[in-house]
Amino acid sequence: MSVNKVILVGNVGKDPEVRYVDQNTPVANFTLATTERGYTTQSGTVVPERTEWHNIVVWRGLAKVVEGYVRKGTSLYIEGKIRSRNWTDQNGATRYITEIYVDELQLLGKRPEGGVAPLATSQSNFQQPAPQSVPPISAPPFEGESGDAANDLPF
């Protein structure tokens, strides 16, 4: 058995880039920063805070939500899958990247003045933004994955 699930809570590092591929399918890319607090050990050793940067990929309806509501500095809760890929750049060098493919997204924090309420959504309920928090709903499986996750459980 294996599980590929990532949960992140952090702040958007730059405004998302949204582009449309294939038959007008939106995809959004942005970075998300998560920070572990620093602390001092009992022996007096100071451990500084540590920030990790994550490459986030959001498809279809959630990409439209990102396009409309997410900006640099936005606090987000994200659930998704970690995926790695590589490619050869124009100089012939092999490049590697690790990305988080989002299944579920929730905007955190206060409502902006004159703005909309924080939004909780997932791939399966994106058509209309919720006026308040919505219980998370799992996204449909990615292409090539089993549609019946219950059959994959060992119990």
C-alpha atoms as a PDB file:
ATOM      1  CA  MET A   1       0.000   0.000   0.000  1.00  0.00           C
ATOM      2  CA  SER A   2       1.158   3.535  -0.632  1.00  0.00           C
ATOM      3  CA  VAL A   3      -0.256   6.993  -0.071  1.00  0.00           C
ATOM      4  CA  ASN A   4       0.639  10.180  -1.906  1.00  0.00           C
ATOM      5  CA  LYS A   5      -1.034  13.028  -0.024  1.00  0.00           C
ATOM      6  CA  VAL A   6       0.337  16.438   0.796  1.00  0.00           C
ATOM      7  CA  ILE A   7      -1.251  18.988   3.112  1.00  0.00           C
ATOM      8  CA  LEU A   8       0.227  22.485   3.140  1.00  0.00           C
ATOM      9  CA  VAL A   9      -0.726  25.716   4.864  1.00  0.00           C
ATOM     10  CA  GLY A  10       1.277  28.695   3.697  1.00  0.00           C
ATOM     11  CA  ASN A  11       1.464  31.966   1.826  1.00  0.00           C
ATOM     12  CA  VAL A  12       1.557  32.495  -1.925  1.00  0.00           C
ATOM     13  CA  GLY A  13       4.992  33.760  -2.991  1.00  0.00           C
ATOM     14  CA  LYS A  14       4.031  35.404  -6.277  1.00  0.00           C
ATOM     15  CA  ASP A  15       0.898  36.130  -8.271  1.00  0.00           C
ATOM     16  CA  PRO A  16      -0.266  32.932  -9.982  1.00  0.00           C
ATOM     17  CA  GLU A  17       0.418  32.440 -13.691  1.00  0.00           C
ATOM     18  CA  VAL A  18      -2.726  31.135 -15.372  1.00  0.00           C
ATOM     19  CA  ARG A  19      -2.646  29.814 -18.917  1.00  0.00           C
ATOM     20  CA  TYR A  20      -5.084  27.880 -21.043  1.00  0.00           C
ATOM     21  CA  VAL A  21      -3.986  24.622 -22.674  1.00  0.00           C
ATOM     22  CA  ASP A  22      -5.646  22.105 -24.971  1.00  0.00           C
ATOM     23  CA  GLN A  23      -9.335  22.790 -25.381  1.00  0.00           C
ATOM     24  CA  ASN A  24      -9.282  25.947 -23.247  1.00  0.00           C
ATOM     25  CA  THR A  25      -8.379  24.066 -20.035  1.00  0.00           C
ATOM     26  CA  PRO A  26      -6.984  26.456 -17.391  1.00  0.00           C
ATOM     27  CA  VAL A  27      -3.856  25.627 -15.395  1.00  0.00           C
ATOM     28  CA  ALA A  28      -2.408  27.866 -12.677  1.00  0.00           C
ATOM     29  CA  ASN A  29       1.157  27.774 -11.338  1.00  0.00           C
ATOM     30  CA  PHE A  30       2.536  29.579  -8.312  1.00  0.00           C
ATOM     31  CA  THR A  31       4.859  29.095  -5.350  1.00  0.00           C
ATOM     32  CA  LEU A  32       3.743  28.579  -1.762  1.00  0.00           C
ATOM     33  CA  ALA A  33       5.967  29.227   1.256  1.00  0.00           C
ATOM     34  CA  THR A  34       5.633  27.165   4.416  1.00  0.00           C
ATOM     35  CA  THR A  35       7.649  28.124   7.474  1.00  0.00           C
ATOM     36  CA  GLU A  36       8.632  26.043  10.489  1.00  0.00           C
ATOM     37  CA  ARG A  37       9.082  28.145  13.595  1.00  0.00           C
ATOM     38  CA  GLY A  38      12.493  28.628  15.076  1.00  0.00           C
ATOM     39  CA  TYR A  39      13.166  27.595  18.667  1.00  0.00           C
ATOM     40  CA  THR A  40      15.810  27.352  21.354  1.00  0.00           C
ATOM     41  CA  THR A  41      16.733  23.957  22.776  1.00  0.00           C
ATOM     42  CA  GLN A  42      17.082  23.326  26.519  1.00  0.00           C
ATOM     43  CA  SER A  43      20.843  23.525  26.099  1.00  0.00           C
ATOM     44  CA  GLY A  44      20.510  27.027  24.608  1.00  0.00           C
ATOM     45  CA  THR A  45      21.109  26.131  20.957  1.00  0.00           C
ATOM     46  CA  VAL A  46      19.100  28.427  18.706  1.00  0.00           C
ATOM     47  CA  VAL A  47      17.436  26.695  15.757  1.00  0.00           C
ATOM     48  CA  PRO A  48      16.335  29.340  13.231  1.00  0.00           C
ATOM     49  CA  GLU A  49      13.022  29.244  11.401  1.00  0.00           C
ATOM     50  CA  ARG A  50      13.069  27.391   8.101  1.00  0.00           C
ATOM     51  CA  THR A  51      11.062  28.312   5.016  1.00  0.00           C
ATOM     52  CA  GLU A  52      10.356  25.795   2.249  1.00  0.00           C
ATOM     53  CA  TRP A  53       9.129  26.823  -1.186  1.00  0.00           C
ATOM     54  CA  HIS A  54       6.677  24.554  -3.003  1.00  0.00           C
ATOM     55  CA  ASN A  55       5.754  24.622  -6.700  1.00  0.00           C
ATOM     56  CA  ILE A  56       1.969  24.443  -6.929  1.00  0.00           C
ATOM     57  CA  VAL A  57      -0.035  23.298  -9.985  1.00  0.00           C
ATOM     58  CA  VAL A  58      -3.798  23.773 -10.132  1.00  0.00           C
ATOM     59  CA  TRP A  59      -5.989  22.538 -13.003  1.00  0.00           C
ATOM     60  CA  ARG A  60      -9.473  23.188 -14.410  1.00  0.00           C
ATOM     61  CA  GLY A  61     -12.077  24.749 -12.133  1.00  0.00           C
ATOM     62  CA  LEU A  62      -9.720  25.280  -9.242  1.00  0.00           C
ATOM     63  CA  ALA A  63      -7.407  27.164 -11.611  1.00  0.00           C
ATOM     64  CA  LYS A  64     -10.296  29.544 -12.325  1.00  0.00           C
ATOM     65  CA  VAL A  65     -10.755  30.034  -8.569  1.00  0.00           C
ATOM     66  CA  VAL A  66      -7.037  30.766  -8.253  1.00  0.00           C
ATOM     67  CA  GLU A  67      -7.234  33.197 -11.174  1.00  0.00           C
ATOM     68  CA  GLY A  68     -10.051  35.117  -9.516  1.00  0.00           C
ATOM     69  CA  TYR A  69      -9.083  35.074  -5.840  1.00  0.00           C
ATOM     70  CA  VAL A  70      -5.409  34.214  -5.214  1.00  0.00           C
ATOM     71  CA  ARG A  71      -2.642  36.825  -5.188  1.00  0.00           C
ATOM     72  CA  LYS A  72       0.856  37.150  -3.740  1.00  0.00           C
ATOM     73  CA  GLY A  73       0.596  36.920   0.051  1.00  0.00           C
ATOM     74  CA  THR A  74      -2.723  35.022   0.098  1.00  0.00           C
ATOM     75  CA  SER A  75      -2.843  32.398   2.860  1.00  0.00           C
ATOM     76  CA  LEU A  76      -3.920  28.995   1.566  1.00  0.00           C
ATOM     77  CA  TYR A  77      -4.729  25.515   2.788  1.00  0.00           C
ATOM     78  CA  ILE A  78      -3.892  22.983   0.069  1.00  0.00           C
ATOM     79  CA  GLU A  79      -4.327  19.236  -0.246  1.00  0.00           C
ATOM     80  CA  GLY A  80      -2.849  17.402  -3.171  1.00  0.00           C
ATOM     81  CA  LYS A  81      -0.324  14.947  -4.556  1.00  0.00           C
ATOM     82  CA  ILE A  82       3.421  15.322  -4.937  1.00  0.00           C
ATOM     83  CA  ARG A  83       4.706  14.713  -8.453  1.00  0.00           C
ATOM     84  CA  SER A  84       8.201  14.900  -9.903  1.00  0.00           C
ATOM     85  CA  ARG A  85       9.117  15.266 -13.544  1.00  0.00           C
ATOM     86  CA  ASN A  86      12.135  16.016 -15.682  1.00  0.00           C
ATOM     87  CA  TRP A  87      12.837  17.454 -19.102  1.00  0.00           C
ATOM     88  CA  THR A  88      15.760  18.448 -21.274  1.00  0.00           C
ATOM     89  CA  ASP A  89      16.280  22.193 -21.603  1.00  0.00           C
ATOM     90  CA  GLN A  90      17.474  24.034 -24.721  1.00  0.00           C
ATOM     91  CA  ASN A  91      21.125  23.515 -23.690  1.00  0.00           C
ATOM     92  CA  GLY A  92      20.671  19.741 -23.434  1.00  0.00           C
ATOM     93  CA  ALA A  93      20.762  19.682 -19.622  1.00  0.00           C
ATOM     94  CA  THR A  94      18.277  17.508 -17.752  1.00  0.00           C
ATOM     95  CA  ARG A  95      16.106  19.572 -15.413  1.00  0.00           C
ATOM     96  CA  TYR A  96      14.073  18.224 -12.517  1.00  0.00           C
ATOM     97  CA  ILE A  97      11.117  19.697 -10.661  1.00  0.00           C
ATOM     98  CA  THR A  98       8.867  18.548  -7.842  1.00  0.00           C
ATOM     99  CA  GLU A  99       5.334  19.949  -7.847  1.00  0.00           C
ATOM    100  CA  ILE A 100       2.189  19.708  -5.766  1.00  0.00           C
ATOM    101  CA  TYR A 101      -0.902  18.931  -7.876  1.00  0.00           C
ATOM    102  CA  VAL A 102      -3.856  20.393  -5.984  1.00  0.00           C
ATOM    103  CA  ASP A 103      -6.999  18.383  -5.250  1.00  0.00           C
ATOM    104  CA  GLU A 104      -8.442  20.771  -2.678  1.00  0.00           C
ATOM    105  CA  LEU A 105      -7.924  24.445  -1.926  1.00  0.00           C
ATOM    106  CA  GLN A 106      -9.126  26.779   0.808  1.00  0.00           C
ATOM    107  CA  LEU A 107      -8.428  30.471   1.116  1.00  0.00           C
ATOM    108  CA  LEU A 108      -7.564  31.399   4.690  1.00  0.00           C
ATOM    109  CA  GLY A 109      -7.541  34.623   6.608  1.00  0.00           C
ATOM    110  CA  LYS A 110      -9.774  37.631   6.785  1.00  0.00           C
ATOM    111  CA  ARG A 111     -12.150  38.759   4.102  1.00  0.00           C
ATOM    112  CA  PRO A 112     -10.589  41.643   2.164  1.00  0.00           C
ATOM    113  CA  GLU A 113     -12.436  44.942   2.547  1.00  0.00           C
ATOM    114  CA  GLY A 114     -15.234  44.959   0.018  1.00  0.00           C
ATOM    115  CA  GLY A 115     -14.088  41.506  -1.078  1.00  0.00           C
ATOM    116  CA  VAL A 116     -15.590  38.075  -0.974  1.00  0.00           C
ATOM    117  CA  ALA A 117     -15.596  35.531   1.824  1.00  0.00           C
ATOM    118  CA  PRO A 118     -12.762  33.035   2.135  1.00  0.00           C
ATOM    119  CA  LEU A 119     -13.448  30.155  -0.208  1.00  0.00           C
ATOM    120  CA  ALA A 120     -13.202  26.427   0.279  1.00  0.00           C
ATOM    121  CA  THR A 121     -13.444  24.360  -2.833  1.00  0.00           C
ATOM    122  CA  SER A 122     -12.205  21.319  -4.651  1.00  0.00           C
ATOM    123  CA  GLN A 123     -12.184  20.027  -8.212  1.00  0.00           C
ATOM    124  CA  SER A 124     -15.716  18.654  -7.878  1.00  0.00           C
ATOM    125  CA  ASN A 125     -17.538  21.726  -6.547  1.00  0.00           C
ATOM    126  CA  PHE A 126     -15.879  24.605  -8.383  1.00  0.00           C
ATOM    127  CA  GLN A 127     -18.760  25.884 -10.510  1.00  0.00           C
ATOM    128  CA  GLN A 128     -20.051  28.359  -7.961  1.00  0.00           C
ATOM    129  CA  PRO A 129     -17.872  29.878  -5.250  1.00  0.00           C
ATOM    130  CA  ALA A 130     -19.264  29.217  -1.793  1.00  0.00           C
ATOM    131  CA  PRO A 131     -20.377  32.217   0.269  1.00  0.00           C
ATOM    132  CA  GLN A 132     -18.799  30.648   3.380  1.00  0.00           C
ATOM    133  CA  SER A 133     -16.594  27.661   4.049  1.00  0.00           C
ATOM    134  CA  VAL A 134     -17.766  24.496   2.371  1.00  0.00           C
ATOM    135  CA  PRO A 135     -16.858  21.056   3.688  1.00  0.00           C
ATOM    136  CA  PRO A 136     -14.046  19.780   1.473  1.00  0.00           C
ATOM    137  CA  ILE A 137     -14.982  17.350  -1.266  1.00  0.00           C
ATOM    138  CA  SER A 138     -12.410  15.162  -2.933  1.00  0.00           C
ATOM    139  CA  ALA A 139     -11.458  15.875  -6.510  1.00  0.00           C
ATOM    140  CA  PRO A 140     -12.077  13.319  -9.225  1.00  0.00           C
ATOM    141  CA  PRO A 141      -9.034  11.136  -9.940  1.00  0.00           C
ATOM    142  CA  PHE A 142      -6.433  12.288 -12.417  1.00  0.00           C
ATOM    143  CA  GLU A 143      -6.411  10.615 -15.807  1.00  0.00           C
ATOM    144  CA  GLY A 144      -5.068   7.098 -15.629  1.00  0.00           C
ATOM    145  CA  GLU A 145      -5.896   6.608 -11.944  1.00  0.00           C
ATOM    146  CA  SER A 146      -8.457   4.245 -10.542  1.00  0.00           C
ATOM    147  CA  GLY A 147     -11.847   5.846 -10.097  1.00  0.00           C
ATOM    148  CA  ASP A 148     -12.731   3.658  -7.098  1.00  0.00           C
ATOM    149  CA  ALA A 149     -10.310   4.545  -4.316  1.00  0.00           C
ATOM    150  CA  ALA A 150     -12.182   2.323  -1.839  1.00  0.00           C
ATOM    151  CA  ASN A 151     -11.000  -0.759  -3.753  1.00  0.00           C
ATOM    152  CA  ASP A 152      -7.388   0.317  -3.245  1.00  0.00           C
ATOM    153  CA  LEU A 153      -7.648   0.209   0.563  1.00  0.00           C
ATOM    154  CA  PRO A 154      -6.090  -2.775   2.316  1.00  0.00           C
ATOM    155  CA  PHE A 155      -8.980  -3.159   4.790  1.00  0.00           C
END
